[in-house]
Structures are given as C-alpha cells and as structure tokens.
Amino acid sequence: LTKDGSYYLLQNYIEGYVDGLSLI
C-alpha cells in the first residue's frame, strides 16, 4: 500500500484481491 495507508485504501486492495480470486 502507499504511505497514505487509510482504511479505504486497504478496503479497495482487499476487494480487488478477492475479486481476483473470484475470477480464477
């Protein structure tokens, strides 16, 4: 994550990761 590291940045990262798992 970037230095900002806010909750919403982590939320977006985890959602993207989970969406990637969904595609696979």
mmCIF file of all heavy atoms, coordinates in Angstrom:
data_MODEL
# 
_entry.id   MODEL 
# 
loop_
_atom_site.group_PDB 
_atom_site.id 
_atom_site.type_symbol 
_atom_site.label_atom_id 
_atom_site.label_alt_id 
_atom_site.label_comp_id 
_atom_site.label_asym_id 
_atom_site.label_entity_id 
_atom_site.label_seq_id 
_atom_site.pdbx_PDB_ins_code 
_atom_site.Cartn_x 
_atom_site.Cartn_y 
_atom_site.Cartn_z 
_atom_site.occupancy 
_atom_site.B_iso_or_equiv 
_atom_site.pdbx_formal_charge 
_atom_site.auth_seq_id 
_atom_site.auth_comp_id 
_atom_site.auth_asym_id 
_atom_site.auth_atom_id 
_atom_site.pdbx_PDB_model_num 
ATOM 1   N N   . LEU A 1 1  ? 0.835   -1.208  0.000   1.00 0.00 ? 1  LEU A N   1 
ATOM 2   C CA  . LEU A 1 1  ? 0.000   0.000   0.000   1.00 0.00 ? 1  LEU A CA  1 
ATOM 3   C C   . LEU A 1 1  ? 0.868   1.254   0.000   1.00 0.00 ? 1  LEU A C   1 
ATOM 4   O O   . LEU A 1 1  ? 2.031   1.216   0.383   1.00 0.00 ? 1  LEU A O   1 
ATOM 5   C CB  . LEU A 1 1  ? -0.911  -0.009  1.233   1.00 0.00 ? 1  LEU A CB  1 
ATOM 6   C CG  . LEU A 1 1  ? -1.779  -1.254  1.413   1.00 0.00 ? 1  LEU A CG  1 
ATOM 7   C CD1 . LEU A 1 1  ? -2.486  -1.219  2.754   1.00 0.00 ? 1  LEU A CD1 1 
ATOM 8   C CD2 . LEU A 1 1  ? -2.768  -1.391  0.273   1.00 0.00 ? 1  LEU A CD2 1 
ATOM 9   N N   . THR A 1 2  ? 0.279   2.367   -0.368  1.00 0.00 ? 2  THR A N   1 
ATOM 10  C CA  . THR A 1 2  ? 1.009   3.635   -0.342  1.00 0.00 ? 2  THR A CA  1 
ATOM 11  C C   . THR A 1 2  ? 1.123   4.142   1.097   1.00 0.00 ? 2  THR A C   1 
ATOM 12  O O   . THR A 1 2  ? 0.470   3.626   2.006   1.00 0.00 ? 2  THR A O   1 
ATOM 13  C CB  . THR A 1 2  ? 0.288   4.694   -1.190  1.00 0.00 ? 2  THR A CB  1 
ATOM 14  O OG1 . THR A 1 2  ? -0.997  4.938   -0.625  1.00 0.00 ? 2  THR A OG1 1 
ATOM 15  C CG2 . THR A 1 2  ? 0.151   4.260   -2.623  1.00 0.00 ? 2  THR A CG2 1 
ATOM 16  N N   . LYS A 1 3  ? 1.898   5.164   1.262   1.00 0.00 ? 3  LYS A N   1 
ATOM 17  C CA  . LYS A 1 3  ? 2.128   5.725   2.595   1.00 0.00 ? 3  LYS A CA  1 
ATOM 18  C C   . LYS A 1 3  ? 0.836   6.186   3.258   1.00 0.00 ? 3  LYS A C   1 
ATOM 19  O O   . LYS A 1 3  ? 0.701   6.125   4.465   1.00 0.00 ? 3  LYS A O   1 
ATOM 20  C CB  . LYS A 1 3  ? 3.119   6.883   2.500   1.00 0.00 ? 3  LYS A CB  1 
ATOM 21  C CG  . LYS A 1 3  ? 3.637   7.332   3.829   1.00 0.00 ? 3  LYS A CG  1 
ATOM 22  C CD  . LYS A 1 3  ? 4.737   8.347   3.676   1.00 0.00 ? 3  LYS A CD  1 
ATOM 23  C CE  . LYS A 1 3  ? 5.284   8.715   5.036   1.00 0.00 ? 3  LYS A CE  1 
ATOM 24  N NZ  . LYS A 1 3  ? 6.396   9.631   4.951   1.00 0.00 ? 3  LYS A NZ  1 
ATOM 25  N N   . ASP A 1 4  ? -0.120  6.646   2.459   1.00 0.00 ? 4  ASP A N   1 
ATOM 26  C CA  . ASP A 1 4  ? -1.438  7.071   2.961   1.00 0.00 ? 4  ASP A CA  1 
ATOM 27  C C   . ASP A 1 4  ? -2.000  5.972   3.864   1.00 0.00 ? 4  ASP A C   1 
ATOM 28  O O   . ASP A 1 4  ? -2.331  6.210   5.010   1.00 0.00 ? 4  ASP A O   1 
ATOM 29  C CB  . ASP A 1 4  ? -2.350  7.368   1.772   1.00 0.00 ? 4  ASP A CB  1 
ATOM 30  C CG  . ASP A 1 4  ? -3.826  7.417   2.125   1.00 0.00 ? 4  ASP A CG  1 
ATOM 31  O OD1 . ASP A 1 4  ? -4.236  6.859   3.156   1.00 0.00 ? 4  ASP A OD1 1 
ATOM 32  O OD2 . ASP A 1 4  ? -4.579  8.002   1.365   1.00 0.00 ? 4  ASP A OD2 1 
ATOM 33  N N   . GLY A 1 5  ? -2.100  4.769   3.342   1.00 0.00 ? 5  GLY A N   1 
ATOM 34  C CA  . GLY A 1 5  ? -2.490  3.606   4.119   1.00 0.00 ? 5  GLY A CA  1 
ATOM 35  C C   . GLY A 1 5  ? -3.812  3.706   4.849   1.00 0.00 ? 5  GLY A C   1 
ATOM 36  O O   . GLY A 1 5  ? -3.985  3.109   5.895   1.00 0.00 ? 5  GLY A O   1 
ATOM 37  N N   . SER A 1 6  ? -4.776  4.454   4.332   1.00 0.00 ? 6  SER A N   1 
ATOM 38  C CA  . SER A 1 6  ? -6.066  4.601   5.000   1.00 0.00 ? 6  SER A CA  1 
ATOM 39  C C   . SER A 1 6  ? -6.866  3.304   4.971   1.00 0.00 ? 6  SER A C   1 
ATOM 40  O O   . SER A 1 6  ? -6.548  2.380   4.219   1.00 0.00 ? 6  SER A O   1 
ATOM 41  C CB  . SER A 1 6  ? -6.886  5.705   4.325   1.00 0.00 ? 6  SER A CB  1 
ATOM 42  O OG  . SER A 1 6  ? -7.312  5.275   3.041   1.00 0.00 ? 6  SER A OG  1 
ATOM 43  N N   . TYR A 1 7  ? -7.904  3.267   5.784   1.00 0.00 ? 7  TYR A N   1 
ATOM 44  C CA  . TYR A 1 7  ? -8.801  2.105   5.793   1.00 0.00 ? 7  TYR A CA  1 
ATOM 45  C C   . TYR A 1 7  ? -9.342  1.855   4.394   1.00 0.00 ? 7  TYR A C   1 
ATOM 46  O O   . TYR A 1 7  ? -9.388  0.727   3.928   1.00 0.00 ? 7  TYR A O   1 
ATOM 47  C CB  . TYR A 1 7  ? -9.974  2.316   6.766   1.00 0.00 ? 7  TYR A CB  1 
ATOM 48  C CG  . TYR A 1 7  ? -10.983 1.188   6.661   1.00 0.00 ? 7  TYR A CG  1 
ATOM 49  C CD1 . TYR A 1 7  ? -10.775 -0.002  7.337   1.00 0.00 ? 7  TYR A CD1 1 
ATOM 50  C CD2 . TYR A 1 7  ? -12.103 1.301   5.847   1.00 0.00 ? 7  TYR A CD2 1 
ATOM 51  C CE1 . TYR A 1 7  ? -11.663 -1.060  7.205   1.00 0.00 ? 7  TYR A CE1 1 
ATOM 52  C CE2 . TYR A 1 7  ? -12.998 0.250   5.714   1.00 0.00 ? 7  TYR A CE2 1 
ATOM 53  C CZ  . TYR A 1 7  ? -12.774 -0.927  6.396   1.00 0.00 ? 7  TYR A CZ  1 
ATOM 54  O OH  . TYR A 1 7  ? -13.645 -1.972  6.252   1.00 0.00 ? 7  TYR A OH  1 
ATOM 55  N N   . TYR A 1 8  ? -9.740  2.928   3.704   1.00 0.00 ? 8  TYR A N   1 
ATOM 56  C CA  . TYR A 1 8  ? -10.379 2.769   2.398   1.00 0.00 ? 8  TYR A CA  1 
ATOM 57  C C   . TYR A 1 8  ? -9.405  2.264   1.341   1.00 0.00 ? 8  TYR A C   1 
ATOM 58  O O   . TYR A 1 8  ? -9.799  1.540   0.435   1.00 0.00 ? 8  TYR A O   1 
ATOM 59  C CB  . TYR A 1 8  ? -11.079 4.067   1.989   1.00 0.00 ? 8  TYR A CB  1 
ATOM 60  C CG  . TYR A 1 8  ? -12.202 4.349   2.954   1.00 0.00 ? 8  TYR A CG  1 
ATOM 61  C CD1 . TYR A 1 8  ? -12.072 5.292   3.961   1.00 0.00 ? 8  TYR A CD1 1 
ATOM 62  C CD2 . TYR A 1 8  ? -13.374 3.590   2.916   1.00 0.00 ? 8  TYR A CD2 1 
ATOM 63  C CE1 . TYR A 1 8  ? -13.092 5.506   4.883   1.00 0.00 ? 8  TYR A CE1 1 
ATOM 64  C CE2 . TYR A 1 8  ? -14.394 3.797   3.830   1.00 0.00 ? 8  TYR A CE2 1 
ATOM 65  C CZ  . TYR A 1 8  ? -14.244 4.746   4.816   1.00 0.00 ? 8  TYR A CZ  1 
ATOM 66  O OH  . TYR A 1 8  ? -15.252 4.932   5.736   1.00 0.00 ? 8  TYR A OH  1 
ATOM 67  N N   . LEU A 1 9  ? -8.141  2.583   1.474   1.00 0.00 ? 9  LEU A N   1 
ATOM 68  C CA  . LEU A 1 9  ? -7.133  2.042   0.568   1.00 0.00 ? 9  LEU A CA  1 
ATOM 69  C C   . LEU A 1 9  ? -6.990  0.537   0.796   1.00 0.00 ? 9  LEU A C   1 
ATOM 70  O O   . LEU A 1 9  ? -6.962  -0.250  -0.157  1.00 0.00 ? 9  LEU A O   1 
ATOM 71  C CB  . LEU A 1 9  ? -5.795  2.754   0.781   1.00 0.00 ? 9  LEU A CB  1 
ATOM 72  C CG  . LEU A 1 9  ? -4.662  2.332   -0.132  1.00 0.00 ? 9  LEU A CG  1 
ATOM 73  C CD1 . LEU A 1 9  ? -4.996  2.677   -1.582  1.00 0.00 ? 9  LEU A CD1 1 
ATOM 74  C CD2 . LEU A 1 9  ? -3.373  3.015   0.281   1.00 0.00 ? 9  LEU A CD2 1 
ATOM 75  N N   . LEU A 1 10 ? -6.919  0.132   2.057   1.00 0.00 ? 10 LEU A N   1 
ATOM 76  C CA  . LEU A 1 10 ? -6.838  -1.288  2.382   1.00 0.00 ? 10 LEU A CA  1 
ATOM 77  C C   . LEU A 1 10 ? -8.112  -2.006  1.936   1.00 0.00 ? 10 LEU A C   1 
ATOM 78  O O   . LEU A 1 10 ? -8.061  -3.106  1.389   1.00 0.00 ? 10 LEU A O   1 
ATOM 79  C CB  . LEU A 1 10 ? -6.616  -1.488  3.880   1.00 0.00 ? 10 LEU A CB  1 
ATOM 80  C CG  . LEU A 1 10 ? -6.513  -2.941  4.350   1.00 0.00 ? 10 LEU A CG  1 
ATOM 81  C CD1 . LEU A 1 10 ? -5.342  -3.661  3.691   1.00 0.00 ? 10 LEU A CD1 1 
ATOM 82  C CD2 . LEU A 1 10 ? -6.392  -2.997  5.869   1.00 0.00 ? 10 LEU A CD2 1 
ATOM 83  N N   . GLN A 1 11 ? -9.261  -1.385  2.145   1.00 0.00 ? 11 GLN A N   1 
ATOM 84  C CA  . GLN A 1 11 ? -10.536 -1.959  1.713   1.00 0.00 ? 11 GLN A CA  1 
ATOM 85  C C   . GLN A 1 11 ? -10.505 -2.221  0.207   1.00 0.00 ? 11 GLN A C   1 
ATOM 86  O O   . GLN A 1 11 ? -10.856 -3.319  -0.240  1.00 0.00 ? 11 GLN A O   1 
ATOM 87  C CB  . GLN A 1 11 ? -11.672 -1.004  2.051   1.00 0.00 ? 11 GLN A CB  1 
ATOM 88  C CG  . GLN A 1 11 ? -13.010 -1.436  1.489   1.00 0.00 ? 11 GLN A CG  1 
ATOM 89  C CD  . GLN A 1 11 ? -14.103 -0.377  1.687   1.00 0.00 ? 11 GLN A CD  1 
ATOM 90  O OE1 . GLN A 1 11 ? -13.893 0.649   2.323   1.00 0.00 ? 11 GLN A OE1 1 
ATOM 91  N NE2 . GLN A 1 11 ? -15.255 -0.630  1.129   1.00 0.00 ? 11 GLN A NE2 1 
ATOM 92  N N   . ASN A 1 12 ? -10.093 -1.237  -0.574  1.00 0.00 ? 12 ASN A N   1 
ATOM 93  C CA  . ASN A 1 12 ? -10.035 -1.398  -2.025  1.00 0.00 ? 12 ASN A CA  1 
ATOM 94  C C   . ASN A 1 12 ? -9.056  -2.482  -2.434  1.00 0.00 ? 12 ASN A C   1 
ATOM 95  O O   . ASN A 1 12 ? -9.324  -3.255  -3.353  1.00 0.00 ? 12 ASN A O   1 
ATOM 96  C CB  . ASN A 1 12 ? -9.670  -0.079  -2.704  1.00 0.00 ? 12 ASN A CB  1 
ATOM 97  C CG  . ASN A 1 12 ? -10.810 0.906   -2.671  1.00 0.00 ? 12 ASN A CG  1 
ATOM 98  O OD1 . ASN A 1 12 ? -11.973 0.535   -2.599  1.00 0.00 ? 12 ASN A OD1 1 
ATOM 99  N ND2 . ASN A 1 12 ? -10.476 2.182   -2.719  1.00 0.00 ? 12 ASN A ND2 1 
ATOM 100 N N   . TYR A 1 13 ? -7.919  -2.550  -1.751  1.00 0.00 ? 13 TYR A N   1 
ATOM 101 C CA  . TYR A 1 13 ? -6.931  -3.581  -2.070  1.00 0.00 ? 13 TYR A CA  1 
ATOM 102 C C   . TYR A 1 13 ? -7.514  -4.974  -1.815  1.00 0.00 ? 13 TYR A C   1 
ATOM 103 O O   . TYR A 1 13 ? -7.421  -5.863  -2.664  1.00 0.00 ? 13 TYR A O   1 
ATOM 104 C CB  . TYR A 1 13 ? -5.642  -3.384  -1.264  1.00 0.00 ? 13 TYR A CB  1 
ATOM 105 C CG  . TYR A 1 13 ? -4.629  -4.431  -1.627  1.00 0.00 ? 13 TYR A CG  1 
ATOM 106 C CD1 . TYR A 1 13 ? -3.809  -4.261  -2.740  1.00 0.00 ? 13 TYR A CD1 1 
ATOM 107 C CD2 . TYR A 1 13 ? -4.540  -5.612  -0.906  1.00 0.00 ? 13 TYR A CD2 1 
ATOM 108 C CE1 . TYR A 1 13 ? -2.912  -5.246  -3.113  1.00 0.00 ? 13 TYR A CE1 1 
ATOM 109 C CE2 . TYR A 1 13 ? -3.640  -6.600  -1.276  1.00 0.00 ? 13 TYR A CE2 1 
ATOM 110 C CZ  . TYR A 1 13 ? -2.837  -6.422  -2.378  1.00 0.00 ? 13 TYR A CZ  1 
ATOM 111 O OH  . TYR A 1 13 ? -1.961  -7.399  -2.750  1.00 0.00 ? 13 TYR A OH  1 
ATOM 112 N N   . ILE A 1 14 ? -8.119  -5.166  -0.644  1.00 0.00 ? 14 ILE A N   1 
ATOM 113 C CA  . ILE A 1 14 ? -8.670  -6.472  -0.304  1.00 0.00 ? 14 ILE A CA  1 
ATOM 114 C C   . ILE A 1 14 ? -9.821  -6.845  -1.240  1.00 0.00 ? 14 ILE A C   1 
ATOM 115 O O   . ILE A 1 14 ? -9.921  -7.992  -1.688  1.00 0.00 ? 14 ILE A O   1 
ATOM 116 C CB  . ILE A 1 14 ? -9.096  -6.527  1.181   1.00 0.00 ? 14 ILE A CB  1 
ATOM 117 C CG1 . ILE A 1 14 ? -7.828  -6.556  2.046   1.00 0.00 ? 14 ILE A CG1 1 
ATOM 118 C CG2 . ILE A 1 14 ? -9.991  -7.726  1.465   1.00 0.00 ? 14 ILE A CG2 1 
ATOM 119 C CD1 . ILE A 1 14 ? -8.052  -6.559  3.520   1.00 0.00 ? 14 ILE A CD1 1 
ATOM 120 N N   . GLU A 1 15 ? -10.675 -5.883  -1.567  1.00 0.00 ? 15 GLU A N   1 
ATOM 121 C CA  . GLU A 1 15 ? -11.760 -6.171  -2.509  1.00 0.00 ? 15 GLU A CA  1 
ATOM 122 C C   . GLU A 1 15 ? -11.200 -6.589  -3.869  1.00 0.00 ? 15 GLU A C   1 
ATOM 123 O O   . GLU A 1 15 ? -11.700 -7.522  -4.496  1.00 0.00 ? 15 GLU A O   1 
ATOM 124 C CB  . GLU A 1 15 ? -12.666 -4.960  -2.667  1.00 0.00 ? 15 GLU A CB  1 
ATOM 125 C CG  . GLU A 1 15 ? -13.552 -4.712  -1.467  1.00 0.00 ? 15 GLU A CG  1 
ATOM 126 C CD  . GLU A 1 15 ? -14.365 -3.432  -1.571  1.00 0.00 ? 15 GLU A CD  1 
ATOM 127 O OE1 . GLU A 1 15 ? -14.190 -2.671  -2.562  1.00 0.00 ? 15 GLU A OE1 1 
ATOM 128 O OE2 . GLU A 1 15 ? -15.168 -3.178  -0.670  1.00 0.00 ? 15 GLU A OE2 1 
ATOM 129 N N   . GLY A 1 16 ? -10.154 -5.912  -4.331  1.00 0.00 ? 16 GLY A N   1 
ATOM 130 C CA  . GLY A 1 16 ? -9.532  -6.277  -5.605  1.00 0.00 ? 16 GLY A CA  1 
ATOM 131 C C   . GLY A 1 16 ? -8.901  -7.656  -5.552  1.00 0.00 ? 16 GLY A C   1 
ATOM 132 O O   . GLY A 1 16 ? -9.000  -8.435  -6.505  1.00 0.00 ? 16 GLY A O   1 
ATOM 133 N N   . TYR A 1 17 ? -8.256  -7.964  -4.439  1.00 0.00 ? 17 TYR A N   1 
ATOM 134 C CA  . TYR A 1 17 ? -7.645  -9.287  -4.261  1.00 0.00 ? 17 TYR A CA  1 
ATOM 135 C C   . TYR A 1 17 ? -8.715  -10.375 -4.302  1.00 0.00 ? 17 TYR A C   1 
ATOM 136 O O   . TYR A 1 17 ? -8.577  -11.376 -5.000  1.00 0.00 ? 17 TYR A O   1 
ATOM 137 C CB  . TYR A 1 17 ? -6.876  -9.318  -2.934  1.00 0.00 ? 17 TYR A CB  1 
ATOM 138 C CG  . TYR A 1 17 ? -6.142  -10.602 -2.696  1.00 0.00 ? 17 TYR A CG  1 
ATOM 139 C CD1 . TYR A 1 17 ? -4.922  -10.841 -3.298  1.00 0.00 ? 17 TYR A CD1 1 
ATOM 140 C CD2 . TYR A 1 17 ? -6.667  -11.578 -1.845  1.00 0.00 ? 17 TYR A CD2 1 
ATOM 141 C CE1 . TYR A 1 17 ? -4.234  -12.029 -3.080  1.00 0.00 ? 17 TYR A CE1 1 
ATOM 142 C CE2 . TYR A 1 17 ? -5.988  -12.768 -1.623  1.00 0.00 ? 17 TYR A CE2 1 
ATOM 143 C CZ  . TYR A 1 17 ? -4.769  -12.983 -2.240  1.00 0.00 ? 17 TYR A CZ  1 
ATOM 144 O OH  . TYR A 1 17 ? -4.097  -14.160 -2.029  1.00 0.00 ? 17 TYR A OH  1 
ATOM 145 N N   . VAL A 1 18 ? -9.798  -10.151 -3.568  1.00 0.00 ? 18 VAL A N   1 
ATOM 146 C CA  . VAL A 1 18 ? -10.896 -11.121 -3.524  1.00 0.00 ? 18 VAL A CA  1 
ATOM 147 C C   . VAL A 1 18 ? -11.566 -11.234 -4.894  1.00 0.00 ? 18 VAL A C   1 
ATOM 148 O O   . VAL A 1 18 ? -11.924 -12.327 -5.325  1.00 0.00 ? 18 VAL A O   1 
ATOM 149 C CB  . VAL A 1 18 ? -11.904 -10.747 -2.410  1.00 0.00 ? 18 VAL A CB  1 
ATOM 150 C CG1 . VAL A 1 18 ? -13.174 -11.563 -2.508  1.00 0.00 ? 18 VAL A CG1 1 
ATOM 151 C CG2 . VAL A 1 18 ? -11.255 -10.940 -1.034  1.00 0.00 ? 18 VAL A CG2 1 
ATOM 152 N N   . ASP A 1 19 ? -11.704 -10.110 -5.589  1.00 0.00 ? 19 ASP A N   1 
ATOM 153 C CA  . ASP A 1 19 ? -12.264 -10.157 -6.947  1.00 0.00 ? 19 ASP A CA  1 
ATOM 154 C C   . ASP A 1 19 ? -11.365 -10.971 -7.878  1.00 0.00 ? 19 ASP A C   1 
ATOM 155 O O   . ASP A 1 19 ? -11.858 -11.687 -8.754  1.00 0.00 ? 19 ASP A O   1 
ATOM 156 C CB  . ASP A 1 19 ? -12.467 -8.750  -7.506  1.00 0.00 ? 19 ASP A CB  1 
ATOM 157 C CG  . ASP A 1 19 ? -13.628 -8.028  -6.851  1.00 0.00 ? 19 ASP A CG  1 
ATOM 158 O OD1 . ASP A 1 19 ? -14.436 -8.666  -6.136  1.00 0.00 ? 19 ASP A OD1 1 
ATOM 159 O OD2 . ASP A 1 19 ? -13.736 -6.796  -7.045  1.00 0.00 ? 19 ASP A OD2 1 
ATOM 160 N N   . GLY A 1 20 ? -10.062 -10.862 -7.712  1.00 0.00 ? 20 GLY A N   1 
ATOM 161 C CA  . GLY A 1 20 ? -9.128  -11.677 -8.496  1.00 0.00 ? 20 GLY A CA  1 
ATOM 162 C C   . GLY A 1 20 ? -9.318  -13.153 -8.217  1.00 0.00 ? 20 GLY A C   1 
ATOM 163 O O   . GLY A 1 20 ? -9.323  -13.981 -9.144  1.00 0.00 ? 20 GLY A O   1 
ATOM 164 N N   . LEU A 1 21 ? -9.498  -13.504 -6.941  1.00 0.00 ? 21 LEU A N   1 
ATOM 165 C CA  . LEU A 1 21 ? -9.776  -14.900 -6.596  1.00 0.00 ? 21 LEU A CA  1 
ATOM 166 C C   . LEU A 1 21 ? -11.081 -15.353 -7.251  1.00 0.00 ? 21 LEU A C   1 
ATOM 167 O O   . LEU A 1 21 ? -11.186 -16.478 -7.738  1.00 0.00 ? 21 LEU A O   1 
ATOM 168 C CB  . LEU A 1 21 ? -9.866  -15.073 -5.072  1.00 0.00 ? 21 LEU A CB  1 
ATOM 169 C CG  . LEU A 1 21 ? -8.591  -14.843 -4.269  1.00 0.00 ? 21 LEU A CG  1 
ATOM 170 C CD1 . LEU A 1 21 ? -8.883  -14.926 -2.772  1.00 0.00 ? 21 LEU A CD1 1 
ATOM 171 C CD2 . LEU A 1 21 ? -7.515  -15.846 -4.657  1.00 0.00 ? 21 LEU A CD2 1 
ATOM 172 N N   . SER A 1 22 ? -12.066 -14.468 -7.267  1.00 0.00 ? 22 SER A N   1 
ATOM 173 C CA  . SER A 1 22 ? -13.360 -14.786 -7.887  1.00 0.00 ? 22 SER A CA  1 
ATOM 174 C C   . SER A 1 22 ? -13.201 -15.108 -9.363  1.00 0.00 ? 22 SER A C   1 
ATOM 175 O O   . SER A 1 22 ? -13.817 -16.054 -9.866  1.00 0.00 ? 22 SER A O   1 
ATOM 176 C CB  . SER A 1 22 ? -14.337 -13.612 -7.732  1.00 0.00 ? 22 SER A CB  1 
ATOM 177 O OG  . SER A 1 22 ? -14.634 -13.380 -6.382  1.00 0.00 ? 22 SER A OG  1 
ATOM 178 N N   . LEU A 1 23 ? -12.397 -14.335 -10.053 1.00 0.00 ? 23 LEU A N   1 
ATOM 179 C CA  . LEU A 1 23 ? -12.183 -14.572 -11.479 1.00 0.00 ? 23 LEU A CA  1 
ATOM 180 C C   . LEU A 1 23 ? -11.515 -15.919 -11.721 1.00 0.00 ? 23 LEU A C   1 
ATOM 181 O O   . LEU A 1 23 ? -11.885 -16.653 -12.629 1.00 0.00 ? 23 LEU A O   1 
ATOM 182 C CB  . LEU A 1 23 ? -11.334 -13.458 -12.089 1.00 0.00 ? 23 LEU A CB  1 
ATOM 183 C CG  . LEU A 1 23 ? -12.027 -12.125 -12.278 1.00 0.00 ? 23 LEU A CG  1 
ATOM 184 C CD1 . LEU A 1 23 ? -11.019 -11.059 -12.695 1.00 0.00 ? 23 LEU A CD1 1 
ATOM 185 C CD2 . LEU A 1 23 ? -13.139 -12.243 -13.308 1.00 0.00 ? 23 LEU A CD2 1 
ATOM 186 N N   . ILE A 1 24 ? -10.540 -16.237 -10.896 1.00 0.00 ? 24 ILE A N   1 
ATOM 187 C CA  . ILE A 1 24 ? -9.833  -17.505 -11.045 1.00 0.00 ? 24 ILE A CA  1 
ATOM 188 C C   . ILE A 1 24 ? -10.753 -18.684 -10.755 1.00 0.00 ? 24 ILE A C   1 
ATOM 189 O O   . ILE A 1 24 ? -10.738 -19.687 -11.459 1.00 0.00 ? 24 ILE A O   1 
ATOM 190 C CB  . ILE A 1 24 ? -8.599  -17.550 -10.108 1.00 0.00 ? 24 ILE A CB  1 
ATOM 191 C CG1 . ILE A 1 24 ? -7.547  -16.542 -10.569 1.00 0.00 ? 24 ILE A CG1 1 
ATOM 192 C CG2 . ILE A 1 24 ? -8.011  -18.942 -10.036 1.00 0.00 ? 24 ILE A CG2 1 
ATOM 193 C CD1 . ILE A 1 24 ? -6.454  -16.285 -9.570  1.00 0.00 ? 24 ILE A CD1 1 
# 
